[in-house]
Amino acid sequence: MKIGEITSYLESFAPLAYQESYDNCGLLTGSVQTEITKALVCLDCT
């Protein structure tokens, strides 16, 4: 699976247009063409 597939899926129900000015949303580093085998997901509850 490629990073672009994951970001497209996430952005389908959480569009980047809904982000606030202080949010760092979307792919911040790397390439959408990179092949991945694992993902780490975290939540900042503040």
Protein backbone atom coordinates (compact mmCIF):
# COMPACT_ATOMS: atom_id res chain seq x y z
CA MET A 1 0.00 0.00 0.00
CA LYS A 2 1.19 3.52 -0.72
CA ILE A 3 0.99 6.55 1.55
CA GLY A 4 -1.20 8.31 -1.04
CA GLU A 5 -3.89 5.64 -0.67
CA ILE A 6 -4.09 6.21 3.08
CA THR A 7 -4.13 10.01 2.83
CA SER A 8 -6.84 9.88 0.16
CA TYR A 9 -8.99 7.67 2.37
CA LEU A 10 -8.54 9.90 5.43
CA GLU A 11 -9.22 13.06 3.43
CA SER A 12 -12.43 11.53 2.01
CA PHE A 13 -14.17 11.93 5.39
CA ALA A 14 -11.97 14.67 6.88
CA PRO A 15 -11.27 17.12 4.02
CA LEU A 16 -8.30 19.46 4.35
CA ALA A 17 -10.67 22.37 3.69
CA TYR A 18 -12.06 21.87 7.23
CA GLN A 19 -8.73 22.41 8.98
CA GLU A 20 -8.15 25.39 11.21
CA SER A 21 -5.32 27.84 10.53
CA TYR A 22 -3.24 26.32 13.36
CA ASP A 23 -3.66 22.67 12.23
CA ASN A 24 -0.87 20.68 10.58
CA CYS A 25 -3.05 18.44 8.42
CA GLY A 26 -2.22 16.22 5.52
CA LEU A 27 1.08 14.65 4.51
CA LEU A 28 3.78 16.79 6.13
CA THR A 29 6.87 14.94 4.94
CA GLY A 30 7.70 12.19 2.49
CA SER A 31 6.15 11.20 -0.82
CA VAL A 32 2.68 9.87 -1.64
CA GLN A 33 4.41 7.25 -3.81
CA THR A 34 6.27 5.66 -0.86
CA GLU A 35 5.34 2.02 -0.22
CA ILE A 36 4.48 1.29 3.43
CA THR A 37 4.01 -1.82 5.53
CA LYS A 38 3.15 -0.32 8.94
CA ALA A 39 1.45 2.76 10.37
CA LEU A 40 1.57 4.47 13.74
CA VAL A 41 -1.51 6.46 14.69
CA CYS A 42 -1.72 8.79 17.69
CA LEU A 43 -4.19 11.30 19.10
CA ASP A 44 -3.39 14.53 20.92
CA CYS A 45 -6.25 15.01 23.36
CA THR A 46 -5.55 18.63 24.28
